[in-house]
ModelCIF file with pLDDT and N, C-alpha, C, O atoms, coordinates in Angstrom:
data_MODEL
#
_entry.id   MODEL 
#
_entity.id                         1 
_entity.type                       polymer 
_entity.pdbx_number_of_molecules   1 
#
_entity_poly.entity_id                      1 
_entity_poly.type                           'polypeptide(L)' 
_entity_poly.nstd_linkage                   no 
_entity_poly.nstd_monomer                   no 
_entity_poly.pdbx_seq_one_letter_code       
;(UNK)(UNK)(UNK)(UNK)(UNK)(UNK)(UNK)(UNK)(UNK)(UNK)(UNK)(UNK)(UNK)(UNK)(UNK)(UNK)
(UNK)(UNK)(UNK)(UNK)(UNK)(UNK)(UNK)(UNK)(UNK)(UNK)(UNK)(UNK)(UNK)(UNK)(UNK)(UNK)
(UNK)(UNK)(UNK)(UNK)(UNK)(UNK)(UNK)(UNK)(UNK)
;
_entity_poly.pdbx_seq_one_letter_code_can   XXXXXXXXXXXXXXXXXXXXXXXXXXXXXXXXXXXXXXXXX 
_entity_poly.pdbx_strand_id                 A 
#
loop_
_entity_poly_seq.entity_id 
_entity_poly_seq.num 
_entity_poly_seq.mon_id 
_entity_poly_seq.hetero 
1 1  UNK n 
1 2  UNK n 
1 3  UNK n 
1 4  UNK n 
1 5  UNK n 
1 6  UNK n 
1 7  UNK n 
1 8  UNK n 
1 9  UNK n 
1 10 UNK n 
1 11 UNK n 
1 12 UNK n 
1 13 UNK n 
1 14 UNK n 
1 15 UNK n 
1 16 UNK n 
1 17 UNK n 
1 18 UNK n 
1 19 UNK n 
1 20 UNK n 
1 21 UNK n 
1 22 UNK n 
1 23 UNK n 
1 24 UNK n 
1 25 UNK n 
1 26 UNK n 
1 27 UNK n 
1 28 UNK n 
1 29 UNK n 
1 30 UNK n 
1 31 UNK n 
1 32 UNK n 
1 33 UNK n 
1 34 UNK n 
1 35 UNK n 
1 36 UNK n 
1 37 UNK n 
1 38 UNK n 
1 39 UNK n 
1 40 UNK n 
1 41 UNK n 
#
_struct_asym.id          A 
_struct_asym.entity_id   1 
#
loop_
_ma_qa_metric.id 
_ma_qa_metric.mode 
_ma_qa_metric.name 
_ma_qa_metric.software_group_id 
_ma_qa_metric.type 
1 global pLDDT . pLDDT 
2 local  pLDDT . pLDDT 
#
_ma_qa_metric_global.metric_id      1 
_ma_qa_metric_global.metric_value   90.27 
_ma_qa_metric_global.model_id       1 
_ma_qa_metric_global.ordinal_id     1 
#
loop_
_ma_qa_metric_local.label_asym_id 
_ma_qa_metric_local.label_comp_id 
_ma_qa_metric_local.label_seq_id 
_ma_qa_metric_local.metric_id 
_ma_qa_metric_local.metric_value 
_ma_qa_metric_local.model_id 
_ma_qa_metric_local.ordinal_id 
A UNK 1  2 96.00 1 1  
A UNK 2  2 95.00 1 2  
A UNK 3  2 96.00 1 3  
A UNK 4  2 97.00 1 4  
A UNK 5  2 98.00 1 5  
A UNK 6  2 98.00 1 6  
A UNK 7  2 97.00 1 7  
A UNK 8  2 96.00 1 8  
A UNK 9  2 91.00 1 9  
A UNK 10 2 91.00 1 10 
A UNK 11 2 85.00 1 11 
A UNK 12 2 84.00 1 12 
A UNK 13 2 89.00 1 13 
A UNK 14 2 90.00 1 14 
A UNK 15 2 94.00 1 15 
A UNK 16 2 94.00 1 16 
A UNK 17 2 92.00 1 17 
A UNK 18 2 94.00 1 18 
A UNK 19 2 96.00 1 19 
A UNK 20 2 94.00 1 20 
A UNK 21 2 93.00 1 21 
A UNK 22 2 95.00 1 22 
A UNK 23 2 95.00 1 23 
A UNK 24 2 96.00 1 24 
A UNK 25 2 96.00 1 25 
A UNK 26 2 96.00 1 26 
A UNK 27 2 96.00 1 27 
A UNK 28 2 95.00 1 28 
A UNK 29 2 95.00 1 29 
A UNK 30 2 89.00 1 30 
A UNK 31 2 85.00 1 31 
A UNK 32 2 78.00 1 32 
A UNK 33 2 69.00 1 33 
A UNK 34 2 73.00 1 34 
A UNK 35 2 78.00 1 35 
A UNK 36 2 81.00 1 36 
A UNK 37 2 83.00 1 37 
A UNK 38 2 88.00 1 38 
A UNK 39 2 87.00 1 39 
A UNK 40 2 82.00 1 40 
A UNK 41 2 84.00 1 41 
#
loop_
_atom_site.group_PDB 
_atom_site.id 
_atom_site.type_symbol 
_atom_site.label_atom_id 
_atom_site.label_alt_id 
_atom_site.label_comp_id 
_atom_site.label_asym_id 
_atom_site.label_entity_id 
_atom_site.label_seq_id 
_atom_site.pdbx_PDB_ins_code 
_atom_site.Cartn_x 
_atom_site.Cartn_y 
_atom_site.Cartn_z 
_atom_site.occupancy 
_atom_site.B_iso_or_equiv 
_atom_site.pdbx_formal_charge 
_atom_site.auth_seq_id 
_atom_site.auth_comp_id 
_atom_site.auth_asym_id 
_atom_site.auth_atom_id 
_atom_site.pdbx_PDB_model_num 
ATOM 1   N N  . UNK A 1 1  ? 1.195  -11.699 9.264   1.00 96.00 ? 1  UNK A N  1 
ATOM 2   C CA . UNK A 1 1  ? 2.431  -12.775 9.496   1.00 96.00 ? 1  UNK A CA 1 
ATOM 3   C C  . UNK A 1 1  ? 1.681  -13.707 8.325   1.00 96.00 ? 1  UNK A C  1 
ATOM 4   O O  . UNK A 1 1  ? 2.416  -14.143 7.438   1.00 96.00 ? 1  UNK A O  1 
ATOM 5   N N  . UNK A 1 2  ? 0.708  -13.933 8.290   1.00 95.00 ? 2  UNK A N  1 
ATOM 6   C CA . UNK A 1 2  ? 1.221  -14.319 6.917   1.00 95.00 ? 2  UNK A CA 1 
ATOM 7   C C  . UNK A 1 2  ? 1.293  -13.935 5.353   1.00 95.00 ? 2  UNK A C  1 
ATOM 8   O O  . UNK A 1 2  ? 0.670  -14.188 4.322   1.00 95.00 ? 2  UNK A O  1 
ATOM 9   N N  . UNK A 1 3  ? 1.909  -13.518 5.579   1.00 96.00 ? 3  UNK A N  1 
ATOM 10  C CA . UNK A 1 3  ? 2.806  -12.836 4.028   1.00 96.00 ? 3  UNK A CA 1 
ATOM 11  C C  . UNK A 1 3  ? 2.410  -12.076 2.962   1.00 96.00 ? 3  UNK A C  1 
ATOM 12  O O  . UNK A 1 3  ? 1.211  -11.999 2.694   1.00 96.00 ? 3  UNK A O  1 
ATOM 13  N N  . UNK A 1 4  ? 3.533  -11.295 2.078   1.00 97.00 ? 4  UNK A N  1 
ATOM 14  C CA . UNK A 1 4  ? 2.954  -10.091 2.018   1.00 97.00 ? 4  UNK A CA 1 
ATOM 15  C C  . UNK A 1 4  ? 1.290  -9.945  1.154   1.00 97.00 ? 4  UNK A C  1 
ATOM 16  O O  . UNK A 1 4  ? 0.779  -10.856 0.502   1.00 97.00 ? 4  UNK A O  1 
ATOM 17  N N  . UNK A 1 5  ? 0.859  -8.962  1.312   1.00 98.00 ? 5  UNK A N  1 
ATOM 18  C CA . UNK A 1 5  ? -0.195 -8.524  0.295   1.00 98.00 ? 5  UNK A CA 1 
ATOM 19  C C  . UNK A 1 5  ? -0.064 -7.008  -0.846  1.00 98.00 ? 5  UNK A C  1 
ATOM 20  O O  . UNK A 1 5  ? 0.361  -5.855  -0.772  1.00 98.00 ? 5  UNK A O  1 
ATOM 21  N N  . UNK A 1 6  ? -0.744 -7.929  -1.888  1.00 98.00 ? 6  UNK A N  1 
ATOM 22  C CA . UNK A 1 6  ? -0.749 -6.926  -3.050  1.00 98.00 ? 6  UNK A CA 1 
ATOM 23  C C  . UNK A 1 6  ? -2.218 -5.794  -3.558  1.00 98.00 ? 6  UNK A C  1 
ATOM 24  O O  . UNK A 1 6  ? -3.037 -6.228  -4.368  1.00 98.00 ? 6  UNK A O  1 
ATOM 25  N N  . UNK A 1 7  ? -2.373 -4.284  -2.928  1.00 97.00 ? 7  UNK A N  1 
ATOM 26  C CA . UNK A 1 7  ? -3.222 -3.316  -2.655  1.00 97.00 ? 7  UNK A CA 1 
ATOM 27  C C  . UNK A 1 7  ? -3.567 -3.937  -4.660  1.00 97.00 ? 7  UNK A C  1 
ATOM 28  O O  . UNK A 1 7  ? -2.678 -3.835  -5.505  1.00 97.00 ? 7  UNK A O  1 
ATOM 29  N N  . UNK A 1 8  ? -4.529 -4.331  -4.884  1.00 96.00 ? 8  UNK A N  1 
ATOM 30  C CA . UNK A 1 8  ? -4.619 -3.652  -6.686  1.00 96.00 ? 8  UNK A CA 1 
ATOM 31  C C  . UNK A 1 8  ? -5.567 -2.597  -7.015  1.00 96.00 ? 8  UNK A C  1 
ATOM 32  O O  . UNK A 1 8  ? -6.731 -2.940  -6.807  1.00 96.00 ? 8  UNK A O  1 
ATOM 33  N N  . UNK A 1 9  ? -5.430 -1.494  -7.435  1.00 91.00 ? 9  UNK A N  1 
ATOM 34  C CA . UNK A 1 9  ? -6.124 -0.401  -7.767  1.00 91.00 ? 9  UNK A CA 1 
ATOM 35  C C  . UNK A 1 9  ? -6.280 0.421   -6.220  1.00 91.00 ? 9  UNK A C  1 
ATOM 36  O O  . UNK A 1 9  ? -7.428 0.564   -5.800  1.00 91.00 ? 9  UNK A O  1 
ATOM 37  N N  . UNK A 1 10 ? -5.229 0.906   -5.462  1.00 91.00 ? 10 UNK A N  1 
ATOM 38  C CA . UNK A 1 10 ? -4.497 1.106   -4.556  1.00 91.00 ? 10 UNK A CA 1 
ATOM 39  C C  . UNK A 1 10 ? -5.297 2.112   -4.488  1.00 91.00 ? 10 UNK A C  1 
ATOM 40  O O  . UNK A 1 10 ? -6.134 2.053   -3.588  1.00 91.00 ? 10 UNK A O  1 
ATOM 41  N N  . UNK A 1 11 ? -5.309 3.744   -5.694  1.00 85.00 ? 11 UNK A N  1 
ATOM 42  C CA . UNK A 1 11 ? -6.194 4.291   -5.202  1.00 85.00 ? 11 UNK A CA 1 
ATOM 43  C C  . UNK A 1 11 ? -5.360 5.890   -4.555  1.00 85.00 ? 11 UNK A C  1 
ATOM 44  O O  . UNK A 1 11 ? -4.913 6.856   -5.173  1.00 85.00 ? 11 UNK A O  1 
ATOM 45  N N  . UNK A 1 12 ? -5.419 5.620   -3.241  1.00 84.00 ? 12 UNK A N  1 
ATOM 46  C CA . UNK A 1 12 ? -5.301 7.380   -2.767  1.00 84.00 ? 12 UNK A CA 1 
ATOM 47  C C  . UNK A 1 12 ? -4.467 6.260   -1.818  1.00 84.00 ? 12 UNK A C  1 
ATOM 48  O O  . UNK A 1 12 ? -3.680 6.772   -1.022  1.00 84.00 ? 12 UNK A O  1 
ATOM 49  N N  . UNK A 1 13 ? -4.557 4.716   -1.815  1.00 89.00 ? 13 UNK A N  1 
ATOM 50  C CA . UNK A 1 13 ? -3.565 3.809   -0.770  1.00 89.00 ? 13 UNK A CA 1 
ATOM 51  C C  . UNK A 1 13 ? -4.156 4.079   0.699   1.00 89.00 ? 13 UNK A C  1 
ATOM 52  O O  . UNK A 1 13 ? -3.314 4.669   1.376   1.00 89.00 ? 13 UNK A O  1 
ATOM 53  N N  . UNK A 1 14 ? -5.188 3.862   1.305   1.00 90.00 ? 14 UNK A N  1 
ATOM 54  C CA . UNK A 1 14 ? -5.822 4.028   2.464   1.00 90.00 ? 14 UNK A CA 1 
ATOM 55  C C  . UNK A 1 14 ? -5.231 2.614   3.036   1.00 90.00 ? 14 UNK A C  1 
ATOM 56  O O  . UNK A 1 14 ? -4.594 2.515   4.085   1.00 90.00 ? 14 UNK A O  1 
ATOM 57  N N  . UNK A 1 15 ? -5.693 1.101   1.792   1.00 94.00 ? 15 UNK A N  1 
ATOM 58  C CA . UNK A 1 15 ? -5.081 0.182   2.483   1.00 94.00 ? 15 UNK A CA 1 
ATOM 59  C C  . UNK A 1 15 ? -3.761 0.473   2.971   1.00 94.00 ? 15 UNK A C  1 
ATOM 60  O O  . UNK A 1 15 ? -3.311 0.671   4.100   1.00 94.00 ? 15 UNK A O  1 
ATOM 61  N N  . UNK A 1 16 ? -3.209 0.443   1.698   1.00 94.00 ? 16 UNK A N  1 
ATOM 62  C CA . UNK A 1 16 ? -2.002 -0.041  1.895   1.00 94.00 ? 16 UNK A CA 1 
ATOM 63  C C  . UNK A 1 16 ? -1.110 0.555   3.033   1.00 94.00 ? 16 UNK A C  1 
ATOM 64  O O  . UNK A 1 16 ? -0.185 -0.155  3.430   1.00 94.00 ? 16 UNK A O  1 
ATOM 65  N N  . UNK A 1 17 ? -1.284 1.722   3.570   1.00 92.00 ? 17 UNK A N  1 
ATOM 66  C CA . UNK A 1 17 ? -1.191 2.372   4.090   1.00 92.00 ? 17 UNK A CA 1 
ATOM 67  C C  . UNK A 1 17 ? -1.616 1.977   6.036   1.00 92.00 ? 17 UNK A C  1 
ATOM 68  O O  . UNK A 1 17 ? -1.036 2.118   7.113   1.00 92.00 ? 17 UNK A O  1 
ATOM 69  N N  . UNK A 1 18 ? -2.777 1.508   5.615   1.00 94.00 ? 18 UNK A N  1 
ATOM 70  C CA . UNK A 1 18 ? -3.054 1.581   6.956   1.00 94.00 ? 18 UNK A CA 1 
ATOM 71  C C  . UNK A 1 18 ? -2.206 -0.390  6.981   1.00 94.00 ? 18 UNK A C  1 
ATOM 72  O O  . UNK A 1 18 ? -1.346 -0.751  7.784   1.00 94.00 ? 18 UNK A O  1 
ATOM 73  N N  . UNK A 1 19 ? -2.593 -0.939  6.283   1.00 96.00 ? 19 UNK A N  1 
ATOM 74  C CA . UNK A 1 19 ? -1.428 -2.482  6.281   1.00 96.00 ? 19 UNK A CA 1 
ATOM 75  C C  . UNK A 1 19 ? -0.169 -2.309  6.820   1.00 96.00 ? 19 UNK A C  1 
ATOM 76  O O  . UNK A 1 19 ? 0.383  -2.977  7.694   1.00 96.00 ? 19 UNK A O  1 
ATOM 77  N N  . UNK A 1 20 ? 0.334  -1.091  6.053   1.00 94.00 ? 20 UNK A N  1 
ATOM 78  C CA . UNK A 1 20 ? 1.955  -0.704  6.222   1.00 94.00 ? 20 UNK A CA 1 
ATOM 79  C C  . UNK A 1 20 ? 2.021  -0.576  7.547   1.00 94.00 ? 20 UNK A C  1 
ATOM 80  O O  . UNK A 1 20 ? 2.996  -0.917  8.216   1.00 94.00 ? 20 UNK A O  1 
ATOM 81  N N  . UNK A 1 21 ? 0.305  0.250   8.281   1.00 93.00 ? 21 UNK A N  1 
ATOM 82  C CA . UNK A 1 21 ? 0.973  0.813   10.101  1.00 93.00 ? 21 UNK A CA 1 
ATOM 83  C C  . UNK A 1 21 ? 0.580  -0.253  11.144  1.00 93.00 ? 21 UNK A C  1 
ATOM 84  O O  . UNK A 1 21 ? 0.821  -0.167  12.348  1.00 93.00 ? 21 UNK A O  1 
ATOM 85  N N  . UNK A 1 22 ? -0.338 -1.722  10.250  1.00 95.00 ? 22 UNK A N  1 
ATOM 86  C CA . UNK A 1 22 ? -0.253 -2.880  10.565  1.00 95.00 ? 22 UNK A CA 1 
ATOM 87  C C  . UNK A 1 22 ? 0.813  -3.752  11.167  1.00 95.00 ? 22 UNK A C  1 
ATOM 88  O O  . UNK A 1 22 ? 0.778  -4.525  12.124  1.00 95.00 ? 22 UNK A O  1 
ATOM 89  N N  . UNK A 1 23 ? 1.915  -3.355  10.207  1.00 95.00 ? 23 UNK A N  1 
ATOM 90  C CA . UNK A 1 23 ? 3.376  -4.497  10.313  1.00 95.00 ? 23 UNK A CA 1 
ATOM 91  C C  . UNK A 1 23 ? 3.038  -5.094  8.887   1.00 95.00 ? 23 UNK A C  1 
ATOM 92  O O  . UNK A 1 23 ? 4.086  -5.708  8.690   1.00 95.00 ? 23 UNK A O  1 
ATOM 93  N N  . UNK A 1 24 ? 2.650  -5.205  8.323   1.00 96.00 ? 24 UNK A N  1 
ATOM 94  C CA . UNK A 1 24 ? 2.328  -6.109  6.713   1.00 96.00 ? 24 UNK A CA 1 
ATOM 95  C C  . UNK A 1 24 ? 3.131  -5.232  6.435   1.00 96.00 ? 24 UNK A C  1 
ATOM 96  O O  . UNK A 1 24 ? 3.237  -4.139  6.991   1.00 96.00 ? 24 UNK A O  1 
ATOM 97  N N  . UNK A 1 25 ? 4.184  -5.941  4.944   1.00 96.00 ? 25 UNK A N  1 
ATOM 98  C CA . UNK A 1 25 ? 4.183  -5.921  3.467   1.00 96.00 ? 25 UNK A CA 1 
ATOM 99  C C  . UNK A 1 25 ? 3.022  -5.956  2.648   1.00 96.00 ? 25 UNK A C  1 
ATOM 100 O O  . UNK A 1 25 ? 2.053  -6.711  2.726   1.00 96.00 ? 25 UNK A O  1 
ATOM 101 N N  . UNK A 1 26 ? 3.253  -5.047  1.865   1.00 96.00 ? 26 UNK A N  1 
ATOM 102 C CA . UNK A 1 26 ? 2.466  -4.853  0.815   1.00 96.00 ? 26 UNK A CA 1 
ATOM 103 C C  . UNK A 1 26 ? 3.086  -4.327  -0.036  1.00 96.00 ? 26 UNK A C  1 
ATOM 104 O O  . UNK A 1 26 ? 4.227  -4.032  0.320   1.00 96.00 ? 26 UNK A O  1 
ATOM 105 N N  . UNK A 1 27 ? 2.725  -3.966  -1.449  1.00 96.00 ? 27 UNK A N  1 
ATOM 106 C CA . UNK A 1 27 ? 3.181  -3.154  -2.512  1.00 96.00 ? 27 UNK A CA 1 
ATOM 107 C C  . UNK A 1 27 ? 1.200  -3.084  -3.320  1.00 96.00 ? 27 UNK A C  1 
ATOM 108 O O  . UNK A 1 27 ? 0.243  -3.851  -3.423  1.00 96.00 ? 27 UNK A O  1 
ATOM 109 N N  . UNK A 1 28 ? 1.501  -1.867  -3.639  1.00 95.00 ? 28 UNK A N  1 
ATOM 110 C CA . UNK A 1 28 ? 0.372  -0.745  -3.609  1.00 95.00 ? 28 UNK A CA 1 
ATOM 111 C C  . UNK A 1 28 ? 0.666  -0.519  -5.565  1.00 95.00 ? 28 UNK A C  1 
ATOM 112 O O  . UNK A 1 28 ? 1.479  0.189   -6.159  1.00 95.00 ? 28 UNK A O  1 
ATOM 113 N N  . UNK A 1 29 ? -0.202 -1.294  -5.984  1.00 95.00 ? 29 UNK A N  1 
ATOM 114 C CA . UNK A 1 29 ? -0.322 -1.628  -7.726  1.00 95.00 ? 29 UNK A CA 1 
ATOM 115 C C  . UNK A 1 29 ? -1.745 -0.104  -8.315  1.00 95.00 ? 29 UNK A C  1 
ATOM 116 O O  . UNK A 1 29 ? -2.971 -0.207  -8.369  1.00 95.00 ? 29 UNK A O  1 
ATOM 117 N N  . UNK A 1 30 ? -1.068 0.821   -8.563  1.00 89.00 ? 30 UNK A N  1 
ATOM 118 C CA . UNK A 1 30 ? -2.217 1.720   -9.512  1.00 89.00 ? 30 UNK A CA 1 
ATOM 119 C C  . UNK A 1 30 ? -1.060 2.469   -9.853  1.00 89.00 ? 30 UNK A C  1 
ATOM 120 O O  . UNK A 1 30 ? -0.114 2.750   -9.117  1.00 89.00 ? 30 UNK A O  1 
ATOM 121 N N  . UNK A 1 31 ? -1.241 2.771   -11.087 1.00 85.00 ? 31 UNK A N  1 
ATOM 122 C CA . UNK A 1 31 ? -1.557 3.042   -12.803 1.00 85.00 ? 31 UNK A CA 1 
ATOM 123 C C  . UNK A 1 31 ? -0.809 4.712   -12.334 1.00 85.00 ? 31 UNK A C  1 
ATOM 124 O O  . UNK A 1 31 ? 0.326  5.055   -12.665 1.00 85.00 ? 31 UNK A O  1 
ATOM 125 N N  . UNK A 1 32 ? -2.130 5.863   -11.210 1.00 78.00 ? 32 UNK A N  1 
ATOM 126 C CA . UNK A 1 32 ? -1.788 6.269   -11.545 1.00 78.00 ? 32 UNK A CA 1 
ATOM 127 C C  . UNK A 1 32 ? -1.830 7.620   -10.007 1.00 78.00 ? 32 UNK A C  1 
ATOM 128 O O  . UNK A 1 32 ? -1.722 8.845   -9.952  1.00 78.00 ? 32 UNK A O  1 
ATOM 129 N N  . UNK A 1 33 ? -2.013 6.673   -9.135  1.00 69.00 ? 33 UNK A N  1 
ATOM 130 C CA . UNK A 1 33 ? -1.706 6.539   -7.564  1.00 69.00 ? 33 UNK A CA 1 
ATOM 131 C C  . UNK A 1 33 ? -1.159 8.111   -6.905  1.00 69.00 ? 33 UNK A C  1 
ATOM 132 O O  . UNK A 1 33 ? -0.774 9.126   -7.485  1.00 69.00 ? 33 UNK A O  1 
ATOM 133 N N  . UNK A 1 34 ? -1.291 7.849   -5.727  1.00 73.00 ? 34 UNK A N  1 
ATOM 134 C CA . UNK A 1 34 ? -1.474 9.003   -4.898  1.00 73.00 ? 34 UNK A CA 1 
ATOM 135 C C  . UNK A 1 34 ? 0.458  8.813   -4.546  1.00 73.00 ? 34 UNK A C  1 
ATOM 136 O O  . UNK A 1 34 ? 1.059  8.146   -3.704  1.00 73.00 ? 34 UNK A O  1 
ATOM 137 N N  . UNK A 1 35 ? 1.011  9.892   -5.807  1.00 78.00 ? 35 UNK A N  1 
ATOM 138 C CA . UNK A 1 35 ? 2.135  10.465  -5.619  1.00 78.00 ? 35 UNK A CA 1 
ATOM 139 C C  . UNK A 1 35 ? 3.796  10.528  -4.151  1.00 78.00 ? 35 UNK A C  1 
ATOM 140 O O  . UNK A 1 35 ? 5.024  10.611  -4.128  1.00 78.00 ? 35 UNK A O  1 
ATOM 141 N N  . UNK A 1 36 ? 2.317  10.387  -2.987  1.00 81.00 ? 36 UNK A N  1 
ATOM 142 C CA . UNK A 1 36 ? 3.295  10.305  -1.511  1.00 81.00 ? 36 UNK A CA 1 
ATOM 143 C C  . UNK A 1 36 ? 3.093  8.810   -0.776  1.00 81.00 ? 36 UNK A C  1 
ATOM 144 O O  . UNK A 1 36 ? 3.300  8.317   0.333   1.00 81.00 ? 36 UNK A O  1 
ATOM 145 N N  . UNK A 1 37 ? 2.720  8.517   -1.691  1.00 83.00 ? 37 UNK A N  1 
ATOM 146 C CA . UNK A 1 37 ? 3.008  7.154   -0.927  1.00 83.00 ? 37 UNK A CA 1 
ATOM 147 C C  . UNK A 1 37 ? 4.402  6.692   -0.740  1.00 83.00 ? 37 UNK A C  1 
ATOM 148 O O  . UNK A 1 37 ? 4.965  6.316   0.288   1.00 83.00 ? 37 UNK A O  1 
ATOM 149 N N  . UNK A 1 38 ? 4.778  6.787   -1.791  1.00 88.00 ? 38 UNK A N  1 
ATOM 150 C CA . UNK A 1 38 ? 6.509  6.071   -1.656  1.00 88.00 ? 38 UNK A CA 1 
ATOM 151 C C  . UNK A 1 38 ? 7.263  6.677   -0.423  1.00 88.00 ? 38 UNK A C  1 
ATOM 152 O O  . UNK A 1 38 ? 8.205  6.095   0.114   1.00 88.00 ? 38 UNK A O  1 
ATOM 153 N N  . UNK A 1 39 ? 6.608  8.314   0.125   1.00 87.00 ? 39 UNK A N  1 
ATOM 154 C CA . UNK A 1 39 ? 7.272  8.870   1.374   1.00 87.00 ? 39 UNK A CA 1 
ATOM 155 C C  . UNK A 1 39 ? 6.897  8.525   2.282   1.00 87.00 ? 39 UNK A C  1 
ATOM 156 O O  . UNK A 1 39 ? 7.667  8.558   3.243   1.00 87.00 ? 39 UNK A O  1 
ATOM 157 N N  . UNK A 1 40 ? 5.480  7.995   2.480   1.00 82.00 ? 40 UNK A N  1 
ATOM 158 C CA . UNK A 1 40 ? 4.929  6.941   3.535   1.00 82.00 ? 40 UNK A CA 1 
ATOM 159 C C  . UNK A 1 40 ? 5.353  5.447   3.851   1.00 82.00 ? 40 UNK A C  1 
ATOM 160 O O  . UNK A 1 40 ? 4.811  4.805   4.750   1.00 82.00 ? 40 UNK A O  1 
ATOM 161 N N  . UNK A 1 41 ? 6.284  4.979   3.109   1.00 84.00 ? 41 UNK A N  1 
ATOM 162 C CA . UNK A 1 41 ? 6.970  3.914   3.307   1.00 84.00 ? 41 UNK A CA 1 
ATOM 163 C C  . UNK A 1 41 ? 6.485  2.546   2.502   1.00 84.00 ? 41 UNK A C  1 
ATOM 164 O O  . UNK A 1 41 ? 7.102  1.491   2.650   1.00 84.00 ? 41 UNK A O  1 
#
């Protein structure tokens, strides 16, 4: 409810996926990142 979250250095994306699962808006900042993250929303 507090607003969007930036996961800076998202790595494998666990934090971003958990934020998404909890109904939050998240942007994962990751230059090398997990290529499956966009497919996971």
